[in-house]
């Protein structure tokens, strides 16, 4: 059975433009794949703690030496990793905040980046351990950034996912959303048209 994991990172939860585009894609895709399993993780309604020294120490402590608190930290990370390991398709709603990704998404990335679990170091460098997954990223921006030096999101997200082994990543942009209603309507319509084509 195909499993789709949807990750929304808008601070406005399901009300954000990126979440709405991701929702629209998943709804249409599910119409073509009625037997698929869908898992939604909303980082606004269910935020994750940011990485700190205690969590890093827990990740690197041997299982038999972990305290109860450390084990709880590891189990929280393991649950997130289990979700993405089981996913065949990953859909991300990705708004741009102050030229970067939402801090909640960074916290998520930090929780699933685990040496020996989602990547490993070899004599030839790091090797990602999550493979055979397709990612659709619905990136919404108030201005026009795609293809410019100010678009730090695309490179970062693609590089991070590649680091853990996920290389089939497609970005769908809706830009200029704060540049007047005509520009917003045009961008969202174009994104919806892409959704219809991709979901099929």
N, C-alpha and C. Protein backbone atom coordinates (compact mmCIF):
# COMPACT_ATOMS: atom_id res chain seq x y z
N UNK A 1 0.84 -1.20 0.00
CA UNK A 1 0.00 0.00 0.00
C UNK A 1 0.87 1.25 0.00
N UNK A 2 0.59 2.19 -0.87
CA UNK A 2 1.35 3.43 -0.95
C UNK A 2 1.02 4.32 0.24
N UNK A 3 2.05 4.91 0.82
CA UNK A 3 1.88 5.81 1.96
C UNK A 3 2.37 7.21 1.60
N UNK A 4 1.55 8.20 1.87
CA UNK A 4 1.90 9.60 1.63
C UNK A 4 1.99 10.33 2.97
N UNK A 5 3.09 11.02 3.17
CA UNK A 5 3.30 11.84 4.36
C UNK A 5 3.23 13.30 3.97
N UNK A 6 2.29 14.03 4.56
CA UNK A 6 2.16 15.47 4.30
C UNK A 6 2.69 16.23 5.50
N UNK A 7 3.58 17.18 5.24
CA UNK A 7 4.17 18.00 6.30
C UNK A 7 3.85 19.46 6.01
N UNK A 8 3.02 20.07 6.85
CA UNK A 8 2.68 21.49 6.71
C UNK A 8 3.50 22.29 7.71
N UNK A 9 4.13 23.36 7.23
CA UNK A 9 4.99 24.14 8.12
C UNK A 9 4.56 25.60 8.27
N UNK A 10 3.40 25.95 7.73
CA UNK A 10 2.91 27.32 7.88
C UNK A 10 2.53 27.60 9.33
N UNK A 11 2.86 28.79 9.82
CA UNK A 11 2.46 29.17 11.17
C UNK A 11 0.95 29.33 11.28
N UNK A 12 0.29 29.42 10.13
CA UNK A 12 -1.16 29.56 10.10
C UNK A 12 -1.87 28.21 9.96
N UNK A 13 -1.09 27.13 10.13
CA UNK A 13 -1.64 25.77 10.06
C UNK A 13 -2.35 25.56 8.72
N UNK A 14 -3.57 25.05 8.75
CA UNK A 14 -4.28 24.75 7.50
C UNK A 14 -4.73 26.01 6.77
N UNK A 15 -4.62 27.18 7.41
CA UNK A 15 -5.02 28.43 6.79
C UNK A 15 -3.95 29.05 5.92
N UNK A 16 -2.73 28.54 5.97
CA UNK A 16 -1.65 29.10 5.16
C UNK A 16 -1.77 28.71 3.70
N UNK A 17 -1.29 29.57 2.82
CA UNK A 17 -1.36 29.28 1.39
C UNK A 17 -0.62 28.00 1.02
N UNK A 18 0.55 27.79 1.63
CA UNK A 18 1.31 26.57 1.33
C UNK A 18 0.56 25.33 1.78
N UNK A 19 -0.08 25.40 2.94
CA UNK A 19 -0.87 24.27 3.44
C UNK A 19 -2.05 23.99 2.53
N UNK A 20 -2.69 25.04 2.05
CA UNK A 20 -3.85 24.87 1.19
C UNK A 20 -3.47 24.24 -0.14
N UNK A 21 -2.30 24.62 -0.67
CA UNK A 21 -1.84 23.99 -1.91
C UNK A 21 -1.49 22.52 -1.67
N UNK A 22 -0.81 22.26 -0.56
CA UNK A 22 -0.48 20.87 -0.23
C UNK A 22 -1.75 20.05 -0.03
N UNK A 23 -2.72 20.63 0.66
CA UNK A 23 -3.99 19.94 0.88
C UNK A 23 -4.69 19.63 -0.45
N UNK A 24 -4.67 20.60 -1.36
CA UNK A 24 -5.32 20.41 -2.65
C UNK A 24 -4.65 19.28 -3.44
N UNK A 25 -3.32 19.26 -3.39
CA UNK A 25 -2.62 18.18 -4.09
C UNK A 25 -2.97 16.83 -3.49
N UNK A 26 -2.92 16.73 -2.17
CA UNK A 26 -3.18 15.45 -1.51
C UNK A 26 -4.60 14.98 -1.80
N UNK A 27 -5.57 15.90 -1.77
CA UNK A 27 -6.96 15.53 -2.04
C UNK A 27 -7.11 14.98 -3.46
N UNK A 28 -6.50 15.66 -4.43
CA UNK A 28 -6.60 15.18 -5.80
C UNK A 28 -5.83 13.88 -5.99
N UNK A 29 -4.66 13.79 -5.40
CA UNK A 29 -3.86 12.57 -5.52
C UNK A 29 -4.58 11.39 -4.89
N UNK A 30 -5.23 11.62 -3.74
CA UNK A 30 -5.95 10.54 -3.07
C UNK A 30 -7.14 10.07 -3.91
N UNK A 31 -7.71 11.00 -4.69
CA UNK A 31 -8.79 10.61 -5.58
C UNK A 31 -8.35 9.59 -6.61
N UNK A 32 -7.07 9.67 -7.01
CA UNK A 32 -6.52 8.72 -7.97
C UNK A 32 -5.92 7.49 -7.27
N UNK A 33 -5.75 7.60 -5.95
CA UNK A 33 -5.15 6.52 -5.17
C UNK A 33 -5.97 6.28 -3.91
N UNK A 34 -7.21 5.82 -4.07
CA UNK A 34 -8.14 5.73 -2.94
C UNK A 34 -7.71 4.77 -1.84
N UNK A 35 -6.84 3.85 -2.14
CA UNK A 35 -6.42 2.88 -1.13
C UNK A 35 -5.13 3.27 -0.41
N UNK A 36 -4.62 4.44 -0.73
CA UNK A 36 -3.36 4.89 -0.13
C UNK A 36 -3.56 5.27 1.34
N UNK A 37 -2.48 5.20 2.07
CA UNK A 37 -2.48 5.63 3.47
C UNK A 37 -1.94 7.07 3.53
N UNK A 38 -2.66 7.96 4.22
CA UNK A 38 -2.27 9.37 4.32
C UNK A 38 -1.94 9.69 5.77
N UNK A 39 -0.79 10.31 5.99
CA UNK A 39 -0.39 10.78 7.32
C UNK A 39 -0.09 12.27 7.21
N UNK A 40 -0.73 13.09 8.03
CA UNK A 40 -0.51 14.54 8.00
C UNK A 40 0.17 14.96 9.29
N UNK A 41 1.26 15.71 9.15
CA UNK A 41 1.94 16.28 10.31
C UNK A 41 1.93 17.80 10.14
N UNK A 42 1.24 18.46 11.05
CA UNK A 42 1.13 19.92 11.03
C UNK A 42 2.05 20.48 12.11
N UNK A 43 3.10 21.16 11.68
CA UNK A 43 4.11 21.64 12.62
C UNK A 43 3.68 22.89 13.38
N UNK A 44 2.51 23.46 13.02
CA UNK A 44 1.97 24.58 13.79
C UNK A 44 1.11 24.07 14.93
N UNK A 45 0.22 23.15 14.63
CA UNK A 45 -0.67 22.62 15.67
C UNK A 45 0.04 21.60 16.57
N UNK A 46 1.11 20.99 16.05
CA UNK A 46 1.86 20.01 16.83
C UNK A 46 3.35 20.30 16.69
N UNK A 47 3.83 21.42 17.26
CA UNK A 47 5.22 21.83 17.08
C UNK A 47 6.19 20.91 17.80
N UNK A 48 7.39 20.87 17.26
CA UNK A 48 8.45 20.05 17.84
C UNK A 48 9.46 20.92 18.58
N UNK A 49 10.08 20.39 19.60
CA UNK A 49 11.10 21.17 20.30
C UNK A 49 12.33 21.37 19.44
N UNK A 50 12.95 22.51 19.59
CA UNK A 50 14.18 22.75 18.84
C UNK A 50 15.32 21.96 19.46
N UNK A 51 16.30 21.67 18.64
CA UNK A 51 17.44 20.88 19.08
C UNK A 51 18.21 21.61 20.18
N UNK A 52 18.58 20.87 21.21
CA UNK A 52 19.40 21.43 22.27
C UNK A 52 20.45 20.40 22.67
N UNK A 53 21.33 20.79 23.59
CA UNK A 53 22.44 19.91 23.97
C UNK A 53 21.95 18.60 24.56
N UNK A 54 20.87 18.65 25.34
CA UNK A 54 20.36 17.44 25.98
C UNK A 54 19.91 16.41 24.94
N UNK A 55 19.25 16.88 23.89
CA UNK A 55 18.77 15.96 22.85
C UNK A 55 19.93 15.39 22.05
N UNK A 56 20.89 16.22 21.73
CA UNK A 56 22.05 15.72 20.99
C UNK A 56 22.78 14.66 21.81
N UNK A 57 22.95 14.91 23.09
CA UNK A 57 23.61 13.93 23.95
C UNK A 57 22.82 12.63 24.00
N UNK A 58 21.50 12.73 24.02
CA UNK A 58 20.66 11.53 24.05
C UNK A 58 20.85 10.72 22.78
N UNK A 59 20.92 11.40 21.62
CA UNK A 59 21.08 10.70 20.35
C UNK A 59 22.40 9.93 20.29
N UNK A 60 23.44 10.47 20.94
CA UNK A 60 24.76 9.85 20.85
C UNK A 60 25.08 8.92 22.01
N UNK A 61 24.20 8.86 22.99
CA UNK A 61 24.41 7.96 24.12
C UNK A 61 23.99 6.54 23.74
N UNK A 62 24.77 5.55 24.10
CA UNK A 62 24.42 4.17 23.80
C UNK A 62 23.08 3.81 24.45
N UNK A 63 22.26 3.00 23.78
CA UNK A 63 20.92 2.69 24.30
C UNK A 63 20.92 2.20 25.74
N UNK A 64 21.87 1.34 26.08
CA UNK A 64 21.87 0.78 27.43
C UNK A 64 22.30 1.78 28.49
N UNK A 65 22.87 2.91 28.06
CA UNK A 65 23.35 3.92 29.02
C UNK A 65 22.42 5.12 29.13
N UNK A 66 21.34 5.14 28.36
CA UNK A 66 20.45 6.30 28.36
C UNK A 66 19.62 6.39 29.64
N UNK A 67 19.42 7.63 30.07
CA UNK A 67 18.50 7.86 31.17
C UNK A 67 17.07 7.77 30.65
N UNK A 68 16.11 7.77 31.55
CA UNK A 68 14.71 7.75 31.14
C UNK A 68 14.38 8.96 30.28
N UNK A 69 14.91 10.13 30.66
CA UNK A 69 14.66 11.34 29.89
C UNK A 69 15.28 11.24 28.51
N UNK A 70 16.51 10.73 28.43
CA UNK A 70 17.17 10.58 27.15
C UNK A 70 16.42 9.60 26.25
N UNK A 71 15.92 8.53 26.83
CA UNK A 71 15.18 7.56 26.04
C UNK A 71 13.91 8.17 25.47
N UNK A 72 13.27 9.04 26.23
CA UNK A 72 12.06 9.72 25.74
C UNK A 72 12.40 10.61 24.55
N UNK A 73 13.53 11.31 24.61
CA UNK A 73 13.96 12.15 23.49
C UNK A 73 14.18 11.30 22.23
N UNK A 74 14.86 10.18 22.41
CA UNK A 74 15.16 9.31 21.28
C UNK A 74 13.88 8.72 20.69
N UNK A 75 12.96 8.33 21.54
CA UNK A 75 11.71 7.74 21.05
C UNK A 75 10.89 8.76 20.26
N UNK A 76 10.94 10.03 20.68
CA UNK A 76 10.24 11.07 19.93
C UNK A 76 10.84 11.21 18.53
N UNK A 77 12.15 11.21 18.45
CA UNK A 77 12.83 11.29 17.16
C UNK A 77 12.56 10.02 16.34
N UNK A 78 12.60 8.87 16.98
CA UNK A 78 12.36 7.60 16.27
C UNK A 78 10.97 7.58 15.63
N UNK A 79 9.98 8.13 16.32
CA UNK A 79 8.61 8.14 15.78
C UNK A 79 8.55 8.97 14.51
N UNK A 80 9.22 10.12 14.50
CA UNK A 80 9.25 10.97 13.32
C UNK A 80 9.98 10.29 12.17
N UNK A 81 11.09 9.65 12.49
CA UNK A 81 11.86 8.94 11.47
C UNK A 81 11.05 7.78 10.91
N UNK A 82 10.32 7.08 11.78
CA UNK A 82 9.49 5.98 11.32
C UNK A 82 8.46 6.44 10.31
N UNK A 83 7.88 7.62 10.53
CA UNK A 83 6.90 8.16 9.59
C UNK A 83 7.50 8.37 8.21
N UNK A 84 8.67 8.97 8.17
CA UNK A 84 9.26 9.28 6.87
C UNK A 84 9.86 8.04 6.23
N UNK A 85 10.30 7.08 7.03
CA UNK A 85 10.78 5.82 6.47
C UNK A 85 9.66 5.07 5.77
N UNK A 86 8.47 5.11 6.34
CA UNK A 86 7.34 4.38 5.77
C UNK A 86 6.72 5.08 4.56
N UNK A 87 7.03 6.36 4.39
CA UNK A 87 6.40 7.13 3.32
C UNK A 87 7.03 6.83 1.96
N UNK A 88 6.17 6.67 0.98
CA UNK A 88 6.62 6.55 -0.40
C UNK A 88 6.65 7.92 -1.08
N UNK A 89 5.69 8.76 -0.68
CA UNK A 89 5.56 10.11 -1.23
C UNK A 89 5.51 11.08 -0.06
N UNK A 90 6.22 12.20 -0.19
CA UNK A 90 6.24 13.23 0.84
C UNK A 90 5.80 14.53 0.21
N UNK A 91 4.84 15.19 0.85
CA UNK A 91 4.33 16.47 0.37
C UNK A 91 4.61 17.52 1.44
N UNK A 92 5.27 18.61 1.07
CA UNK A 92 5.60 19.67 2.01
C UNK A 92 4.93 20.97 1.63
N UNK A 93 4.29 21.59 2.60
CA UNK A 93 3.82 22.95 2.45
C UNK A 93 4.89 23.86 3.04
N UNK A 94 5.48 24.72 2.20
CA UNK A 94 6.67 25.47 2.61
C UNK A 94 6.54 26.97 2.35
N UNK A 95 6.12 27.75 3.33
CA UNK A 95 6.13 29.20 3.16
C UNK A 95 7.55 29.74 3.36
N UNK A 96 7.79 30.94 2.86
CA UNK A 96 9.07 31.60 3.10
C UNK A 96 8.90 32.66 4.18
N UNK A 97 9.70 32.55 5.23
CA UNK A 97 9.69 33.54 6.31
C UNK A 97 11.07 34.17 6.41
N UNK A 98 11.16 35.46 6.16
CA UNK A 98 12.43 36.18 6.30
C UNK A 98 13.56 35.49 5.54
N UNK A 99 13.26 35.12 4.31
CA UNK A 99 14.22 34.53 3.37
C UNK A 99 14.60 33.08 3.68
N UNK A 100 13.95 32.46 4.64
CA UNK A 100 14.32 31.10 4.99
C UNK A 100 13.12 30.21 5.23
N UNK A 101 13.41 29.00 5.71
CA UNK A 101 12.34 28.07 6.03
C UNK A 101 11.79 28.38 7.42
N UNK A 102 10.56 27.97 7.73
CA UNK A 102 10.03 28.16 9.08
C UNK A 102 10.91 27.43 10.11
N UNK A 103 11.05 28.02 11.28
CA UNK A 103 11.89 27.40 12.31
C UNK A 103 11.33 26.05 12.74
N UNK A 104 10.02 25.87 12.62
CA UNK A 104 9.42 24.59 12.98
C UNK A 104 9.87 23.48 12.04
N UNK A 105 10.06 23.83 10.76
CA UNK A 105 10.54 22.83 9.81
C UNK A 105 12.01 22.51 10.08
N UNK A 106 12.79 23.52 10.46
CA UNK A 106 14.19 23.27 10.83
C UNK A 106 14.24 22.33 12.03
N UNK A 107 13.35 22.53 13.00
CA UNK A 107 13.30 21.65 14.16
C UNK A 107 12.97 20.22 13.73
N UNK A 108 12.06 20.09 12.78
CA UNK A 108 11.71 18.76 12.25
C UNK A 108 12.92 18.12 11.58
N UNK A 109 13.59 18.87 10.73
CA UNK A 109 14.78 18.34 10.05
C UNK A 109 15.83 17.89 11.07
N UNK A 110 16.02 18.69 12.12
CA UNK A 110 17.02 18.33 13.13
C UNK A 110 16.64 17.05 13.86
N UNK A 111 15.34 16.81 14.02
CA UNK A 111 14.90 15.60 14.72
C UNK A 111 15.08 14.34 13.88
N UNK A 112 15.02 14.47 12.55
CA UNK A 112 15.13 13.27 11.70
C UNK A 112 16.53 13.08 11.14
N UNK A 113 17.45 13.97 11.45
CA UNK A 113 18.83 13.84 10.98
C UNK A 113 19.63 13.10 12.05
N UNK A 114 19.74 11.80 11.90
CA UNK A 114 20.39 10.96 12.91
C UNK A 114 21.43 10.05 12.27
N UNK A 115 22.67 10.23 12.70
CA UNK A 115 23.75 9.39 12.19
C UNK A 115 23.48 7.93 12.50
N UNK A 116 23.64 7.09 11.50
CA UNK A 116 23.41 5.67 11.66
C UNK A 116 21.96 5.27 11.49
N UNK A 117 21.08 6.25 11.35
CA UNK A 117 19.65 5.96 11.20
C UNK A 117 19.13 6.48 9.86
N UNK A 118 19.31 7.77 9.61
CA UNK A 118 18.87 8.32 8.32
C UNK A 118 20.04 8.67 7.41
N UNK A 119 21.26 8.65 7.95
CA UNK A 119 22.47 8.81 7.14
C UNK A 119 23.62 8.15 7.89
N UNK A 120 24.69 7.92 7.17
CA UNK A 120 25.89 7.39 7.80
C UNK A 120 27.11 7.96 7.11
N UNK A 121 28.21 8.00 7.84
CA UNK A 121 29.45 8.47 7.27
C UNK A 121 30.26 7.27 6.79
N UNK A 122 30.80 7.37 5.58
CA UNK A 122 31.63 6.32 5.02
C UNK A 122 32.97 6.92 4.63
N UNK A 123 33.86 6.06 4.16
CA UNK A 123 35.18 6.56 3.74
C UNK A 123 35.07 7.47 2.53
N UNK A 124 33.91 7.41 1.84
CA UNK A 124 33.68 8.27 0.69
C UNK A 124 32.80 9.47 1.02
N UNK A 125 32.52 9.67 2.30
CA UNK A 125 31.67 10.78 2.70
C UNK A 125 30.32 10.30 3.20
N UNK A 126 29.41 11.23 3.47
CA UNK A 126 28.11 10.83 4.00
C UNK A 126 27.26 10.10 2.97
N UNK A 127 26.42 9.20 3.46
CA UNK A 127 25.52 8.43 2.60
C UNK A 127 24.13 8.45 3.21
N UNK A 128 23.14 8.91 2.46
CA UNK A 128 21.77 8.94 2.94
C UNK A 128 21.17 7.55 2.97
N UNK A 129 20.32 7.29 3.96
CA UNK A 129 19.74 5.96 4.14
C UNK A 129 18.25 5.91 3.81
N UNK A 130 17.67 7.04 3.41
CA UNK A 130 16.27 7.06 3.00
C UNK A 130 16.24 7.17 1.48
N UNK A 131 15.72 6.15 0.83
CA UNK A 131 15.75 6.13 -0.62
C UNK A 131 14.38 5.79 -1.18
N UNK A 132 14.25 5.93 -2.51
CA UNK A 132 13.03 5.55 -3.23
C UNK A 132 11.80 6.30 -2.74
N UNK A 133 11.96 7.61 -2.58
CA UNK A 133 10.85 8.46 -2.16
C UNK A 133 10.73 9.65 -3.11
N UNK A 134 9.51 10.06 -3.35
CA UNK A 134 9.24 11.23 -4.18
C UNK A 134 8.74 12.35 -3.29
N UNK A 135 9.29 13.55 -3.48
CA UNK A 135 8.89 14.70 -2.66
C UNK A 135 8.34 15.80 -3.55
N UNK A 136 7.20 16.35 -3.15
CA UNK A 136 6.62 17.54 -3.77
C UNK A 136 6.64 18.66 -2.74
N UNK A 137 7.26 19.76 -3.08
CA UNK A 137 7.36 20.91 -2.17
C UNK A 137 6.54 22.06 -2.74
N UNK A 138 5.52 22.48 -2.00
CA UNK A 138 4.68 23.60 -2.41
C UNK A 138 5.17 24.84 -1.69
N UNK A 139 5.97 25.62 -2.41
CA UNK A 139 6.67 26.77 -1.85
C UNK A 139 5.93 28.06 -2.17
N UNK A 140 5.49 28.77 -1.14
CA UNK A 140 4.78 30.03 -1.34
C UNK A 140 5.62 31.18 -0.81
N UNK A 141 5.60 32.28 -1.57
CA UNK A 141 6.42 33.44 -1.22
C UNK A 141 5.63 34.72 -1.48
N UNK A 142 5.88 35.72 -0.67
CA UNK A 142 5.23 37.01 -0.87
C UNK A 142 5.79 37.76 -2.05
N UNK A 143 7.09 37.57 -2.32
CA UNK A 143 7.76 38.22 -3.45
C UNK A 143 8.19 37.21 -4.48
N UNK A 144 9.13 37.62 -5.33
CA UNK A 144 9.63 36.78 -6.41
C UNK A 144 11.08 36.39 -6.11
N UNK A 145 11.30 35.12 -5.81
CA UNK A 145 12.62 34.68 -5.37
C UNK A 145 13.18 33.50 -6.15
N UNK A 146 12.34 32.68 -6.74
CA UNK A 146 12.82 31.47 -7.42
C UNK A 146 13.86 31.82 -8.49
N UNK A 147 14.97 31.12 -8.43
CA UNK A 147 16.02 31.34 -9.41
C UNK A 147 16.92 32.52 -9.10
N UNK A 148 16.75 33.16 -7.95
CA UNK A 148 17.60 34.29 -7.57
C UNK A 148 18.48 33.91 -6.39
N UNK A 149 19.44 34.78 -6.10
CA UNK A 149 20.35 34.51 -4.98
C UNK A 149 19.65 34.57 -3.63
N UNK A 150 18.46 35.18 -3.59
CA UNK A 150 17.74 35.29 -2.32
C UNK A 150 16.92 34.04 -2.00
N UNK A 151 16.86 33.11 -2.92
CA UNK A 151 16.10 31.88 -2.66
C UNK A 151 17.01 30.86 -1.97
N UNK A 152 17.15 31.02 -0.66
CA UNK A 152 17.96 30.06 0.10
C UNK A 152 17.18 28.78 0.41
N UNK A 153 15.87 28.84 0.30
CA UNK A 153 15.04 27.69 0.65
C UNK A 153 15.29 26.49 -0.26
N UNK A 154 15.21 26.73 -1.57
CA UNK A 154 15.27 25.62 -2.51
C UNK A 154 16.55 24.82 -2.35
N UNK A 155 17.68 25.49 -2.32
CA UNK A 155 18.96 24.81 -2.18
C UNK A 155 19.06 24.08 -0.85
N UNK A 156 18.64 24.75 0.22
CA UNK A 156 18.75 24.13 1.54
C UNK A 156 17.89 22.88 1.66
N UNK A 157 16.63 22.98 1.26
CA UNK A 157 15.73 21.83 1.38
C UNK A 157 16.21 20.69 0.49
N UNK A 158 16.61 21.01 -0.73
CA UNK A 158 17.09 19.96 -1.64
C UNK A 158 18.36 19.31 -1.09
N UNK A 159 19.28 20.13 -0.57
CA UNK A 159 20.53 19.60 -0.02
C UNK A 159 20.28 18.74 1.21
N UNK A 160 19.39 19.20 2.09
CA UNK A 160 19.12 18.42 3.30
C UNK A 160 18.51 17.07 2.96
N UNK A 161 17.49 17.09 2.10
CA UNK A 161 16.84 15.84 1.72
C UNK A 161 17.83 14.91 1.02
N UNK A 162 18.68 15.46 0.17
CA UNK A 162 19.69 14.65 -0.49
C UNK A 162 20.66 14.03 0.51
N UNK A 163 20.97 14.76 1.56
CA UNK A 163 21.89 14.27 2.59
C UNK A 163 21.35 13.02 3.26
N UNK A 164 20.02 12.93 3.42
CA UNK A 164 19.44 11.74 4.06
C UNK A 164 18.95 10.73 3.01
N UNK A 165 19.29 10.96 1.74
CA UNK A 165 19.05 9.97 0.71
C UNK A 165 17.89 10.22 -0.22
N UNK A 166 17.19 11.34 -0.05
CA UNK A 166 16.00 11.62 -0.86
C UNK A 166 16.39 12.62 -1.95
N UNK A 167 16.42 12.16 -3.18
CA UNK A 167 16.92 13.00 -4.27
C UNK A 167 15.87 13.36 -5.31
N UNK A 168 14.72 12.71 -5.29
CA UNK A 168 13.67 13.00 -6.26
C UNK A 168 12.73 14.05 -5.66
N UNK A 169 13.10 15.32 -5.83
CA UNK A 169 12.40 16.43 -5.18
C UNK A 169 11.92 17.41 -6.23
N UNK A 170 10.64 17.73 -6.22
CA UNK A 170 10.05 18.66 -7.18
C UNK A 170 9.44 19.85 -6.45
N UNK A 171 9.80 21.06 -6.86
CA UNK A 171 9.28 22.28 -6.25
C UNK A 171 8.18 22.86 -7.13
N UNK A 172 7.08 23.24 -6.49
CA UNK A 172 5.99 23.94 -7.16
C UNK A 172 5.87 25.29 -6.46
N UNK A 173 6.12 26.38 -7.18
CA UNK A 173 6.17 27.70 -6.57
C UNK A 173 4.88 28.48 -6.80
N UNK A 174 4.50 29.23 -5.78
CA UNK A 174 3.45 30.24 -5.92
C UNK A 174 4.05 31.51 -5.32
N UNK A 175 4.47 32.43 -6.19
CA UNK A 175 5.20 33.61 -5.74
C UNK A 175 4.42 34.89 -6.03
N UNK A 176 4.89 35.97 -5.39
CA UNK A 176 4.25 37.26 -5.58
C UNK A 176 2.91 37.38 -4.88
N UNK A 177 2.72 36.61 -3.83
CA UNK A 177 1.42 36.58 -3.15
C UNK A 177 1.11 37.86 -2.39
N UNK A 178 2.13 38.66 -2.13
CA UNK A 178 1.92 39.94 -1.45
C UNK A 178 2.09 41.13 -2.40
N UNK A 179 1.99 40.86 -3.69
CA UNK A 179 2.21 41.91 -4.69
C UNK A 179 0.91 42.30 -5.39
N UNK A 180 -0.18 42.24 -4.64
CA UNK A 180 -1.47 42.63 -5.18
C UNK A 180 -2.31 41.42 -5.52
N UNK A 181 -3.63 41.60 -5.52
CA UNK A 181 -4.55 40.48 -5.75
C UNK A 181 -4.40 39.84 -7.13
N UNK A 182 -4.22 40.64 -8.20
CA UNK A 182 -4.04 40.00 -9.51
C UNK A 182 -2.84 39.06 -9.55
N UNK A 183 -1.72 39.50 -8.97
CA UNK A 183 -0.51 38.67 -8.95
C UNK A 183 -0.74 37.41 -8.12
N UNK A 184 -1.40 37.58 -6.99
CA UNK A 184 -1.68 36.44 -6.11
C UNK A 184 -2.59 35.43 -6.82
N UNK A 185 -3.66 35.94 -7.42
CA UNK A 185 -4.61 35.05 -8.10
C UNK A 185 -3.92 34.29 -9.23
N UNK A 186 -3.07 34.98 -9.98
CA UNK A 186 -2.38 34.35 -11.11
C UNK A 186 -1.44 33.25 -10.61
N UNK A 187 -0.71 33.54 -9.53
CA UNK A 187 0.25 32.57 -9.00
C UNK A 187 -0.46 31.34 -8.45
N UNK A 188 -1.54 31.54 -7.72
CA UNK A 188 -2.26 30.40 -7.13
C UNK A 188 -2.95 29.57 -8.21
N UNK A 189 -3.44 30.24 -9.25
CA UNK A 189 -4.07 29.51 -10.35
C UNK A 189 -3.04 28.63 -11.06
N UNK A 190 -1.86 29.19 -11.29
CA UNK A 190 -0.81 28.42 -11.95
C UNK A 190 -0.41 27.22 -11.10
N UNK A 191 -0.35 27.41 -9.79
CA UNK A 191 0.01 26.31 -8.89
C UNK A 191 -1.09 25.25 -8.91
N UNK A 192 -2.34 25.68 -8.92
CA UNK A 192 -3.45 24.72 -8.97
C UNK A 192 -3.40 23.90 -10.26
N UNK A 193 -3.04 24.54 -11.35
CA UNK A 193 -2.93 23.82 -12.62
C UNK A 193 -1.82 22.78 -12.56
N UNK A 194 -0.70 23.14 -11.93
CA UNK A 194 0.37 22.17 -11.74
C UNK A 194 -0.09 21.02 -10.88
N UNK A 195 -0.86 21.33 -9.85
CA UNK A 195 -1.39 20.29 -8.95
C UNK A 195 -2.22 19.28 -9.72
N UNK A 196 -3.11 19.77 -10.55
CA UNK A 196 -3.98 18.89 -11.33
C UNK A 196 -3.17 17.95 -12.21
N UNK A 197 -2.12 18.50 -12.81
CA UNK A 197 -1.28 17.68 -13.69
C UNK A 197 -0.46 16.67 -12.87
N UNK A 198 0.09 17.10 -11.76
CA UNK A 198 0.95 16.22 -10.97
C UNK A 198 0.17 15.13 -10.25
N UNK A 199 -1.02 15.48 -9.75
CA UNK A 199 -1.82 14.52 -8.99
C UNK A 199 -2.29 13.37 -9.85
N UNK A 200 -2.42 13.63 -11.14
CA UNK A 200 -2.90 12.57 -12.06
C UNK A 200 -1.80 11.57 -12.36
